[in-house]
All heavy atoms as atom14 arrays in JSON, in Angstrom:
{
  "sequence": "PAESRRALAHRGILVGAAPTKGQWAGPVIGVLKLIVLSRIVSQT",
  "atom14_mask": [
    [1, 1, 1, 1, 1, 1, 1, 0, 0, 0, 0, 0, 0, 0],
    [1, 1, 1, 1, 1, 0, 0, 0, 0, 0, 0, 0, 0, 0],
    [1, 1, 1, 1, 1, 1, 1, 1, 1, 0, 0, 0, 0, 0],
    [1, 1, 1, 1, 1, 1, 0, 0, 0, 0, 0, 0, 0, 0],
    [1, 1, 1, 1, 1, 1, 1, 1, 1, 1, 1, 0, 0, 0],
    [1, 1, 1, 1, 1, 1, 1, 1, 1, 1, 1, 0, 0, 0],
    [1, 1, 1, 1, 1, 0, 0, 0, 0, 0, 0, 0, 0, 0],
    [1, 1, 1, 1, 1, 1, 1, 1, 0, 0, 0, 0, 0, 0],
    [1, 1, 1, 1, 1, 0, 0, 0, 0, 0, 0, 0, 0, 0],
    [1, 1, 1, 1, 1, 1, 1, 1, 1, 1, 0, 0, 0, 0],
    [1, 1, 1, 1, 1, 1, 1, 1, 1, 1, 1, 0, 0, 0],
    [1, 1, 1, 1, 0, 0, 0, 0, 0, 0, 0, 0, 0, 0],
    [1, 1, 1, 1, 1, 1, 1, 1, 0, 0, 0, 0, 0, 0],
    [1, 1, 1, 1, 1, 1, 1, 1, 0, 0, 0, 0, 0, 0],
    [1, 1, 1, 1, 1, 1, 1, 0, 0, 0, 0, 0, 0, 0],
    [1, 1, 1, 1, 0, 0, 0, 0, 0, 0, 0, 0, 0, 0],
    [1, 1, 1, 1, 1, 0, 0, 0, 0, 0, 0, 0, 0, 0],
    [1, 1, 1, 1, 1, 0, 0, 0, 0, 0, 0, 0, 0, 0],
    [1, 1, 1, 1, 1, 1, 1, 0, 0, 0, 0, 0, 0, 0],
    [1, 1, 1, 1, 1, 1, 1, 0, 0, 0, 0, 0, 0, 0],
    [1, 1, 1, 1, 1, 1, 1, 1, 1, 0, 0, 0, 0, 0],
    [1, 1, 1, 1, 0, 0, 0, 0, 0, 0, 0, 0, 0, 0],
    [1, 1, 1, 1, 1, 1, 1, 1, 1, 0, 0, 0, 0, 0],
    [1, 1, 1, 1, 1, 1, 1, 1, 1, 1, 1, 1, 1, 1],
    [1, 1, 1, 1, 1, 0, 0, 0, 0, 0, 0, 0, 0, 0],
    [1, 1, 1, 1, 0, 0, 0, 0, 0, 0, 0, 0, 0, 0],
    [1, 1, 1, 1, 1, 1, 1, 0, 0, 0, 0, 0, 0, 0],
    [1, 1, 1, 1, 1, 1, 1, 0, 0, 0, 0, 0, 0, 0],
    [1, 1, 1, 1, 1, 1, 1, 1, 0, 0, 0, 0, 0, 0],
    [1, 1, 1, 1, 0, 0, 0, 0, 0, 0, 0, 0, 0, 0],
    [1, 1, 1, 1, 1, 1, 1, 0, 0, 0, 0, 0, 0, 0],
    [1, 1, 1, 1, 1, 1, 1, 1, 0, 0, 0, 0, 0, 0],
    [1, 1, 1, 1, 1, 1, 1, 1, 1, 0, 0, 0, 0, 0],
    [1, 1, 1, 1, 1, 1, 1, 1, 0, 0, 0, 0, 0, 0],
    [1, 1, 1, 1, 1, 1, 1, 1, 0, 0, 0, 0, 0, 0],
    [1, 1, 1, 1, 1, 1, 1, 0, 0, 0, 0, 0, 0, 0],
    [1, 1, 1, 1, 1, 1, 1, 1, 0, 0, 0, 0, 0, 0],
    [1, 1, 1, 1, 1, 1, 0, 0, 0, 0, 0, 0, 0, 0],
    [1, 1, 1, 1, 1, 1, 1, 1, 1, 1, 1, 0, 0, 0],
    [1, 1, 1, 1, 1, 1, 1, 1, 0, 0, 0, 0, 0, 0],
    [1, 1, 1, 1, 1, 1, 1, 0, 0, 0, 0, 0, 0, 0],
    [1, 1, 1, 1, 1, 1, 0, 0, 0, 0, 0, 0, 0, 0],
    [1, 1, 1, 1, 1, 1, 1, 1, 1, 0, 0, 0, 0, 0],
    [1, 1, 1, 1, 1, 1, 1, 0, 0, 0, 0, 0, 0, 0]
  ],
  "atom14_positions": [
    [[-0.46, 2.48, 12.85], [-0.35, 2.07, 14.26], [-0.46, 3.26, 15.21], [-1.08, 3.15, 16.28], [1.02, 1.42, 14.33], [1.26, 0.89, 12.95], [0.64, 1.92, 12.04], [0.0, 0.0, 0.0], [0.0, 0.0, 0.0], [0.0, 0.0, 0.0], [0.0, 0.0, 0.0], [0.0, 0.0, 0.0], [0.0, 0.0, 0.0], [0.0, 0.0, 0.0]],
    [[0.09, 4.41, 14.82], [0.03, 5.6, 15.67], [-1.41, 6.07, 15.84], [-1.82, 6.5, 16.92], [0.89, 6.71, 15.08], [0.0, 0.0, 0.0], [0.0, 0.0, 0.0], [0.0, 0.0, 0.0], [0.0, 0.0, 0.0], [0.0, 0.0, 0.0], [0.0, 0.0, 0.0], [0.0, 0.0, 0.0], [0.0, 0.0, 0.0], [0.0, 0.0, 0.0]],
    [[-2.21, 5.96, 14.78], [-3.62, 6.34, 14.87], [-4.4, 5.33, 15.7], [-5.21, 5.69, 16.56], [-4.22, 6.44, 13.47], [-3.7, 7.61, 12.66], [-4.15, 7.56, 11.21], [-4.42, 6.45, 10.7], [-4.23, 8.63, 10.59], [0.0, 0.0, 0.0], [0.0, 0.0, 0.0], [0.0, 0.0, 0.0], [0.0, 0.0, 0.0], [0.0, 0.0, 0.0]],
    [[-4.13, 4.06, 15.47], [-4.87, 3.01, 16.17], [-4.63, 3.03, 17.67], [-5.53, 2.73, 18.46], [-4.49, 1.63, 15.61], [-4.95, 1.49, 14.28], [0.0, 0.0, 0.0], [0.0, 0.0, 0.0], [0.0, 0.0, 0.0], [0.0, 0.0, 0.0], [0.0, 0.0, 0.0], [0.0, 0.0, 0.0], [0.0, 0.0, 0.0], [0.0, 0.0, 0.0]],
    [[-3.42, 3.42, 18.09], [-3.14, 3.39, 19.53], [-3.95, 4.42, 20.31], [-4.07, 4.31, 21.52], [-1.65, 3.56, 19.8], [-1.02, 4.89, 19.44], [0.46, 4.87, 19.79], [0.66, 4.84, 21.23], [0.89, 5.92, 21.98], [0.99, 7.11, 21.43], [1.07, 5.82, 23.28], [0.0, 0.0, 0.0], [0.0, 0.0, 0.0], [0.0, 0.0, 0.0]],
    [[-4.56, 5.38, 19.6], [-5.47, 6.3, 20.29], [-6.68, 5.57, 20.85], [-7.34, 6.07, 21.76], [-5.92, 7.42, 19.33], [-4.84, 8.38, 18.89], [-5.44, 9.66, 18.32], [-6.24, 9.42, 17.13], [-5.84, 9.73, 15.89], [-4.65, 10.27, 15.69], [-6.63, 9.48, 14.86], [0.0, 0.0, 0.0], [0.0, 0.0, 0.0], [0.0, 0.0, 0.0]],
    [[-6.98, 4.42, 20.25], [-8.14, 3.65, 20.71], [-7.76, 2.54, 21.69], [-8.61, 1.75, 22.08], [-8.86, 3.04, 19.51], [0.0, 0.0, 0.0], [0.0, 0.0, 0.0], [0.0, 0.0, 0.0], [0.0, 0.0, 0.0], [0.0, 0.0, 0.0], [0.0, 0.0, 0.0], [0.0, 0.0, 0.0], [0.0, 0.0, 0.0], [0.0, 0.0, 0.0]],
    [[-6.49, 2.49, 22.08], [-6.03, 1.45, 22.99], [-5.95, 1.94, 24.43], [-5.61, 3.1, 24.69], [-4.65, 0.95, 22.57], [-4.56, -0.03, 21.4], [-3.11, -0.34, 21.1], [-5.33, -1.32, 21.68], [0.0, 0.0, 0.0], [0.0, 0.0, 0.0], [0.0, 0.0, 0.0], [0.0, 0.0, 0.0], [0.0, 0.0, 0.0], [0.0, 0.0, 0.0]],
    [[-6.22, 1.02, 25.34], [-6.0, 1.3, 26.76], [-4.51, 1.46, 27.0], [-3.67, 1.13, 26.15], [-6.56, 0.17, 27.61], [0.0, 0.0, 0.0], [0.0, 0.0, 0.0], [0.0, 0.0, 0.0], [0.0, 0.0, 0.0], [0.0, 0.0, 0.0], [0.0, 0.0, 0.0], [0.0, 0.0, 0.0], [0.0, 0.0, 0.0], [0.0, 0.0, 0.0]],
    [[-4.16, 1.96, 28.19], [-2.75, 2.25, 28.51], [-1.85, 1.05, 28.27], [-0.73, 1.19, 27.77], [-2.64, 2.72, 29.97], [-1.24, 3.06, 30.38], [-0.53, 4.09, 29.81], [-0.42, 2.48, 31.31], [0.67, 4.15, 30.36], [0.76, 3.19, 31.28], [0.0, 0.0, 0.0], [0.0, 0.0, 0.0], [0.0, 0.0, 0.0], [0.0, 0.0, 0.0]],
    [[-2.33, -0.13, 28.63], [-1.56, -1.36, 28.41], [-2.22, -2.25, 27.36], [-2.1, -3.47, 27.39], [-1.42, -2.13, 29.73], [-0.61, -1.4, 30.79], [0.85, -1.32, 30.38], [1.67, -0.63, 31.39], [2.97, -0.37, 31.24], [3.59, -0.77, 30.13], [3.64, 0.26, 32.17], [0.0, 0.0, 0.0], [0.0, 0.0, 0.0], [0.0, 0.0, 0.0]],
    [[-2.91, -1.65, 26.43], [-3.62, -2.4, 25.42], [-2.7, -3.05, 24.4], [-1.51, -2.75, 24.32], [0.0, 0.0, 0.0], [0.0, 0.0, 0.0], [0.0, 0.0, 0.0], [0.0, 0.0, 0.0], [0.0, 0.0, 0.0], [0.0, 0.0, 0.0], [0.0, 0.0, 0.0], [0.0, 0.0, 0.0], [0.0, 0.0, 0.0], [0.0, 0.0, 0.0]],
    [[-3.29, -3.95, 23.62], [-2.54, -4.69, 22.61], [-3.16, -4.49, 21.23], [-4.36, -4.71, 21.04], [-2.5, -6.2, 22.94], [-1.84, -6.44, 24.31], [-1.76, -6.97, 21.84], [-1.89, -7.9, 24.75], [0.0, 0.0, 0.0], [0.0, 0.0, 0.0], [0.0, 0.0, 0.0], [0.0, 0.0, 0.0], [0.0, 0.0, 0.0], [0.0, 0.0, 0.0]],
    [[-2.35, -4.07, 20.28], [-2.76, -3.98, 18.88], [-2.2, -5.18, 18.14], [-0.98, -5.4, 18.13], [-2.23, -2.69, 18.24], [-2.33, -2.59, 16.7], [-3.79, -2.56, 16.27], [-1.59, -1.38, 16.17], [0.0, 0.0, 0.0], [0.0, 0.0, 0.0], [0.0, 0.0, 0.0], [0.0, 0.0, 0.0], [0.0, 0.0, 0.0], [0.0, 0.0, 0.0]],
    [[-3.07, -5.96, 17.52], [-2.65, -7.1, 16.72], [-2.88, -6.74, 15.26], [-4.02, -6.64, 14.8], [-3.43, -8.38, 17.08], [-2.91, -9.56, 16.26], [-3.29, -8.68, 18.57], [0.0, 0.0, 0.0], [0.0, 0.0, 0.0], [0.0, 0.0, 0.0], [0.0, 0.0, 0.0], [0.0, 0.0, 0.0], [0.0, 0.0, 0.0], [0.0, 0.0, 0.0]],
    [[-1.81, -6.51, 14.53], [-1.89, -6.14, 13.13], [-1.94, -7.37, 12.24], [-0.9, -8.02, 12.03], [0.0, 0.0, 0.0], [0.0, 0.0, 0.0], [0.0, 0.0, 0.0], [0.0, 0.0, 0.0], [0.0, 0.0, 0.0], [0.0, 0.0, 0.0], [0.0, 0.0, 0.0], [0.0, 0.0, 0.0], [0.0, 0.0, 0.0], [0.0, 0.0, 0.0]],
    [[-3.12, -7.72, 11.76], [-3.29, -8.92, 10.93], [-3.74, -8.57, 9.52], [-4.18, -9.45, 8.78], [-4.29, -9.86, 11.59], [0.0, 0.0, 0.0], [0.0, 0.0, 0.0], [0.0, 0.0, 0.0], [0.0, 0.0, 0.0], [0.0, 0.0, 0.0], [0.0, 0.0, 0.0], [0.0, 0.0, 0.0], [0.0, 0.0, 0.0], [0.0, 0.0, 0.0]],
    [[-3.65, -7.3, 9.15], [-4.09, -6.87, 7.81], [-2.93, -6.99, 6.82], [-1.77, -6.84, 7.2], [-4.57, -5.43, 7.87], [0.0, 0.0, 0.0], [0.0, 0.0, 0.0], [0.0, 0.0, 0.0], [0.0, 0.0, 0.0], [0.0, 0.0, 0.0], [0.0, 0.0, 0.0], [0.0, 0.0, 0.0], [0.0, 0.0, 0.0], [0.0, 0.0, 0.0]],
    [[-3.24, -7.26, 5.54], [-2.2, -7.23, 4.53], [-1.57, -5.85, 4.48], [-2.27, -4.84, 4.4], [-2.95, -7.53, 3.22], [-4.22, -8.19, 3.66], [-4.56, -7.57, 4.98], [0.0, 0.0, 0.0], [0.0, 0.0, 0.0], [0.0, 0.0, 0.0], [0.0, 0.0, 0.0], [0.0, 0.0, 0.0], [0.0, 0.0, 0.0], [0.0, 0.0, 0.0]],
    [[-0.24, -5.79, 4.57], [0.45, -4.51, 4.59], [0.55, -3.96, 3.17], [0.88, -4.68, 2.24], [1.86, -4.66, 5.18], [1.75, -5.31, 6.45], [2.52, -3.31, 5.36], [0.0, 0.0, 0.0], [0.0, 0.0, 0.0], [0.0, 0.0, 0.0], [0.0, 0.0, 0.0], [0.0, 0.0, 0.0], [0.0, 0.0, 0.0], [0.0, 0.0, 0.0]],
    [[0.26, -2.69, 3.0], [0.32, -2.07, 1.68], [1.76, -1.95, 1.22], [2.68, -1.8, 2.0], [-0.37, -0.71, 1.72], [-1.87, -0.81, 2.0], [-2.5, 0.55, 2.08], [-4.02, 0.44, 2.22], [-4.43, -0.33, 3.38], [0.0, 0.0, 0.0], [0.0, 0.0, 0.0], [0.0, 0.0, 0.0], [0.0, 0.0, 0.0], [0.0, 0.0, 0.0]],
    [[1.93, -1.99, -0.09], [3.27, -1.9, -0.67], [3.58, -3.17, -1.43], [3.41, -4.27, -0.91], [0.0, 0.0, 0.0], [0.0, 0.0, 0.0], [0.0, 0.0, 0.0], [0.0, 0.0, 0.0], [0.0, 0.0, 0.0], [0.0, 0.0, 0.0], [0.0, 0.0, 0.0], [0.0, 0.0, 0.0], [0.0, 0.0, 0.0], [0.0, 0.0, 0.0]],
    [[4.05, -3.04, -2.67], [4.28, -4.2, -3.51], [5.66, -4.82, -3.34], [5.88, -5.95, -3.76], [4.09, -3.81, -4.99], [2.76, -3.17, -5.32], [1.59, -4.1, -5.06], [1.76, -5.27, -4.78], [0.38, -3.56, -5.13], [0.0, 0.0, 0.0], [0.0, 0.0, 0.0], [0.0, 0.0, 0.0], [0.0, 0.0, 0.0], [0.0, 0.0, 0.0]],
    [[6.57, -4.1, -2.69], [7.93, -4.62, -2.56], [8.21, -5.06, -1.13], [7.97, -6.19, -0.76], [8.95, -3.56, -3.03], [8.86, -3.31, -4.5], [8.11, -2.37, -5.16], [9.49, -4.08, -5.52], [8.25, -2.5, -6.51], [9.1, -3.53, -6.78], [10.37, -5.17, -5.51], [9.55, -4.03, -7.98], [10.82, -5.68, -6.72], [10.42, -5.1, -7.94]],
    [[8.69, -4.16, -0.3], [9.05, -4.53, 1.07], [8.01, -4.06, 2.08], [8.3, -3.97, 3.27], [10.43, -3.94, 1.42], [0.0, 0.0, 0.0], [0.0, 0.0, 0.0], [0.0, 0.0, 0.0], [0.0, 0.0, 0.0], [0.0, 0.0, 0.0], [0.0, 0.0, 0.0], [0.0, 0.0, 0.0], [0.0, 0.0, 0.0], [0.0, 0.0, 0.0]],
    [[6.8, -3.79, 1.61], [5.75, -3.29, 2.48], [5.54, -4.11, 3.73], [5.5, -3.58, 4.85], [0.0, 0.0, 0.0], [0.0, 0.0, 0.0], [0.0, 0.0, 0.0], [0.0, 0.0, 0.0], [0.0, 0.0, 0.0], [0.0, 0.0, 0.0], [0.0, 0.0, 0.0], [0.0, 0.0, 0.0], [0.0, 0.0, 0.0], [0.0, 0.0, 0.0]],
    [[5.42, -5.45, 3.63], [5.2, -6.25, 4.83], [6.33, -6.14, 5.83], [6.09, -6.07, 7.05], [5.1, -7.67, 4.26], [4.64, -7.49, 2.86], [5.3, -6.23, 2.4], [0.0, 0.0, 0.0], [0.0, 0.0, 0.0], [0.0, 0.0, 0.0], [0.0, 0.0, 0.0], [0.0, 0.0, 0.0], [0.0, 0.0, 0.0], [0.0, 0.0, 0.0]],
    [[7.57, -6.13, 5.36], [8.72, -6.03, 6.26], [8.72, -4.68, 6.97], [8.94, -4.59, 8.18], [10.04, -6.23, 5.49], [11.23, -6.02, 6.41], [10.08, -7.61, 4.86], [0.0, 0.0, 0.0], [0.0, 0.0, 0.0], [0.0, 0.0, 0.0], [0.0, 0.0, 0.0], [0.0, 0.0, 0.0], [0.0, 0.0, 0.0], [0.0, 0.0, 0.0]],
    [[8.48, -3.61, 6.21], [8.44, -2.27, 6.8], [7.32, -2.17, 7.83], [7.49, -1.59, 8.9], [8.28, -1.21, 5.69], [9.51, -1.19, 4.8], [8.04, 0.17, 6.31], [9.38, -0.32, 3.57], [0.0, 0.0, 0.0], [0.0, 0.0, 0.0], [0.0, 0.0, 0.0], [0.0, 0.0, 0.0], [0.0, 0.0, 0.0], [0.0, 0.0, 0.0]],
    [[6.17, -2.77, 7.51], [5.05, -2.74, 8.44], [5.38, -3.41, 9.76], [5.05, -2.9, 10.83], [0.0, 0.0, 0.0], [0.0, 0.0, 0.0], [0.0, 0.0, 0.0], [0.0, 0.0, 0.0], [0.0, 0.0, 0.0], [0.0, 0.0, 0.0], [0.0, 0.0, 0.0], [0.0, 0.0, 0.0], [0.0, 0.0, 0.0], [0.0, 0.0, 0.0]],
    [[6.03, -4.56, 9.71], [6.43, -5.27, 10.92], [7.44, -4.46, 11.72], [7.34, -4.35, 12.95], [7.02, -6.66, 10.56], [7.64, -7.3, 11.8], [5.94, -7.56, 9.98], [0.0, 0.0, 0.0], [0.0, 0.0, 0.0], [0.0, 0.0, 0.0], [0.0, 0.0, 0.0], [0.0, 0.0, 0.0], [0.0, 0.0, 0.0], [0.0, 0.0, 0.0]],
    [[8.39, -3.86, 11.02], [9.41, -3.05, 11.71], [8.78, -1.85, 12.41], [9.18, -1.49, 13.53], [10.47, -2.58, 10.71], [11.4, -3.67, 10.16], [12.32, -3.08, 9.1], [12.22, -4.29, 11.28], [0.0, 0.0, 0.0], [0.0, 0.0, 0.0], [0.0, 0.0, 0.0], [0.0, 0.0, 0.0], [0.0, 0.0, 0.0], [0.0, 0.0, 0.0]],
    [[7.78, -1.23, 11.8], [7.1, -0.1, 12.42], [6.45, -0.51, 13.73], [6.52, 0.21, 14.73], [6.05, 0.49, 11.47], [6.62, 1.32, 10.33], [5.49, 1.87, 9.46], [6.04, 2.74, 8.33], [4.93, 3.26, 7.47], [0.0, 0.0, 0.0], [0.0, 0.0, 0.0], [0.0, 0.0, 0.0], [0.0, 0.0, 0.0], [0.0, 0.0, 0.0]],
    [[5.8, -1.67, 13.72], [5.15, -2.15, 14.94], [6.17, -2.45, 16.03], [5.95, -2.14, 17.2], [4.32, -3.4, 14.63], [3.06, -3.19, 13.81], [2.42, -4.53, 13.47], [2.05, -2.33, 14.55], [0.0, 0.0, 0.0], [0.0, 0.0, 0.0], [0.0, 0.0, 0.0], [0.0, 0.0, 0.0], [0.0, 0.0, 0.0], [0.0, 0.0, 0.0]],
    [[7.28, -3.06, 15.64], [8.32, -3.39, 16.63], [8.9, -2.13, 17.26], [9.03, -2.02, 18.49], [9.45, -4.21, 15.96], [8.92, -5.6, 15.56], [10.65, -4.34, 16.9], [9.91, -6.41, 14.76], [0.0, 0.0, 0.0], [0.0, 0.0, 0.0], [0.0, 0.0, 0.0], [0.0, 0.0, 0.0], [0.0, 0.0, 0.0], [0.0, 0.0, 0.0]],
    [[9.22, -1.15, 16.43], [9.8, 0.1, 16.93], [8.82, 0.85, 17.82], [9.17, 1.3, 18.93], [10.27, 0.99, 15.76], [10.68, 2.38, 16.27], [11.43, 0.34, 15.01], [0.0, 0.0, 0.0], [0.0, 0.0, 0.0], [0.0, 0.0, 0.0], [0.0, 0.0, 0.0], [0.0, 0.0, 0.0], [0.0, 0.0, 0.0], [0.0, 0.0, 0.0]],
    [[7.58, 0.98, 17.36], [6.59, 1.72, 18.14], [6.3, 1.03, 19.47], [6.14, 1.69, 20.5], [5.3, 1.85, 17.32], [4.2, 2.74, 17.93], [4.71, 4.17, 18.13], [2.96, 2.76, 17.03], [0.0, 0.0, 0.0], [0.0, 0.0, 0.0], [0.0, 0.0, 0.0], [0.0, 0.0, 0.0], [0.0, 0.0, 0.0], [0.0, 0.0, 0.0]],
    [[6.26, -0.29, 19.44], [5.97, -1.04, 20.67], [7.01, -0.8, 21.75], [6.72, -0.9, 22.94], [5.86, -2.54, 20.35], [5.37, -3.25, 21.45], [0.0, 0.0, 0.0], [0.0, 0.0, 0.0], [0.0, 0.0, 0.0], [0.0, 0.0, 0.0], [0.0, 0.0, 0.0], [0.0, 0.0, 0.0], [0.0, 0.0, 0.0], [0.0, 0.0, 0.0]],
    [[8.23, -0.46, 21.34], [9.31, -0.26, 22.31], [9.31, 1.13, 22.93], [10.01, 1.35, 23.93], [10.66, -0.53, 21.63], [10.85, -2.0, 21.26], [12.23, -2.27, 20.72], [12.43, -3.7, 20.48], [13.57, -4.24, 20.07], [14.62, -3.47, 19.85], [13.65, -5.54, 19.87], [0.0, 0.0, 0.0], [0.0, 0.0, 0.0], [0.0, 0.0, 0.0]],
    [[8.54, 2.04, 22.35], [8.59, 3.41, 22.88], [7.25, 3.87, 23.45], [7.15, 5.01, 23.9], [9.08, 4.4, 21.8], [8.13, 4.4, 20.6], [10.5, 4.07, 21.39], [8.51, 5.42, 19.53], [0.0, 0.0, 0.0], [0.0, 0.0, 0.0], [0.0, 0.0, 0.0], [0.0, 0.0, 0.0], [0.0, 0.0, 0.0], [0.0, 0.0, 0.0]],
    [[6.24, 3.0, 23.4], [4.94, 3.36, 23.96], [4.54, 2.31, 24.99], [5.14, 1.24, 25.08], [3.85, 3.46, 22.86], [4.2, 4.55, 21.87], [3.64, 2.12, 22.17], [0.0, 0.0, 0.0], [0.0, 0.0, 0.0], [0.0, 0.0, 0.0], [0.0, 0.0, 0.0], [0.0, 0.0, 0.0], [0.0, 0.0, 0.0], [0.0, 0.0, 0.0]],
    [[3.51, 2.62, 25.77], [3.08, 1.7, 26.83], [2.3, 0.51, 26.27], [2.24, -0.55, 26.9], [2.21, 2.45, 27.84], [1.04, 2.96, 27.21], [0.0, 0.0, 0.0], [0.0, 0.0, 0.0], [0.0, 0.0, 0.0], [0.0, 0.0, 0.0], [0.0, 0.0, 0.0], [0.0, 0.0, 0.0], [0.0, 0.0, 0.0], [0.0, 0.0, 0.0]],
    [[1.7, 0.68, 25.08], [0.93, -0.42, 24.5], [1.85, -1.41, 23.78], [2.98, -1.1, 23.44], [-0.1, 0.13, 23.5], [-1.17, 0.98, 24.14], [-0.94, 2.46, 23.89], [0.2, 2.89, 23.64], [-2.0, 3.25, 23.96], [0.0, 0.0, 0.0], [0.0, 0.0, 0.0], [0.0, 0.0, 0.0], [0.0, 0.0, 0.0], [0.0, 0.0, 0.0]],
    [[1.31, -2.59, 23.54], [2.03, -3.64, 22.8], [1.52, -3.67, 21.36], [0.31, -3.69, 21.13], [1.8, -5.02, 23.45], [2.28, -4.99, 24.8], [2.53, -6.11, 22.69], [0.0, 0.0, 0.0], [0.0, 0.0, 0.0], [0.0, 0.0, 0.0], [0.0, 0.0, 0.0], [0.0, 0.0, 0.0], [0.0, 0.0, 0.0], [0.0, 0.0, 0.0]]
  ]
}
């Protein structure tokens, strides 16, 4: 997400619809990363 936001406009939106890597809690960790990052940057 940190790399992708370089390609976003100031108020742009990143929609993460890819299968999250990791065989155990990968999907949960992926969602949490997006939630945390969204709260500290201008993009959604």
